[in-house]
C-alpha cells in the first residue's frame, strides 16, 4: 500500500474572484422587432385602430389617473431625506404598470374586431411586415405592444390628440 499524503495549503481568495466564478451568464434573447421614429403617416393606422376600438373606450382610459399622468408626462413626486422634491420611482413604476395593463387589456379585448388595424399599426411602426406581425410568437406579442405604448412618440401623439380635444 502506498503512503498517500494530502497537503493542506492556505489560499486567499478575493471577493472579486469569488464573484467572477459565481457569475452566471445570462442569455438575453433579442427582440424580433425594432421600432422606428413615428411620423405623420403613422397617424392614419393609429386612428383606424382607435376608431375600430371605439373613441369613447379610448377616451375612457383617460379617466384612469395612471394613464392620464403618463400621457401628460407627470411623474409622482416625494420629499427625500434631505428635503428635496424627487420622483417617487416606486409609485411611478406602479403607475406605468397600471397604465400599460389597462391599455393592453383594452386592445386585447377588442382584438377580434381590430386585429388587422393592430397589425397595421405595429408593422408601420416597426421593421416587421404586416405578415410578420401576424405570425409573431405569443411570447413577443405583449412585449411588442408594451414597447410601442412606452415609445415617447406614442405618448407625444396622445398628448397632442388630448390637447386638441380639450380645446
Foldseek 3Di string as FASTA:
>chain_A
DDDDDDDDDDDDDDPVNVCVVPDDDDDDDDAPKDFDQDDPVLVVLVVVLCVQLDVVLVVVLCVLVLQVCVLVVHADWDQDPVRDIDGPVVVNVVSLVVSLVSVVVSCVVSCVRCVQSVLVSLVVRIVDHSVCLVPDDPVNVSVSSSVVCPDPNVSVVVNVVVVVVVD
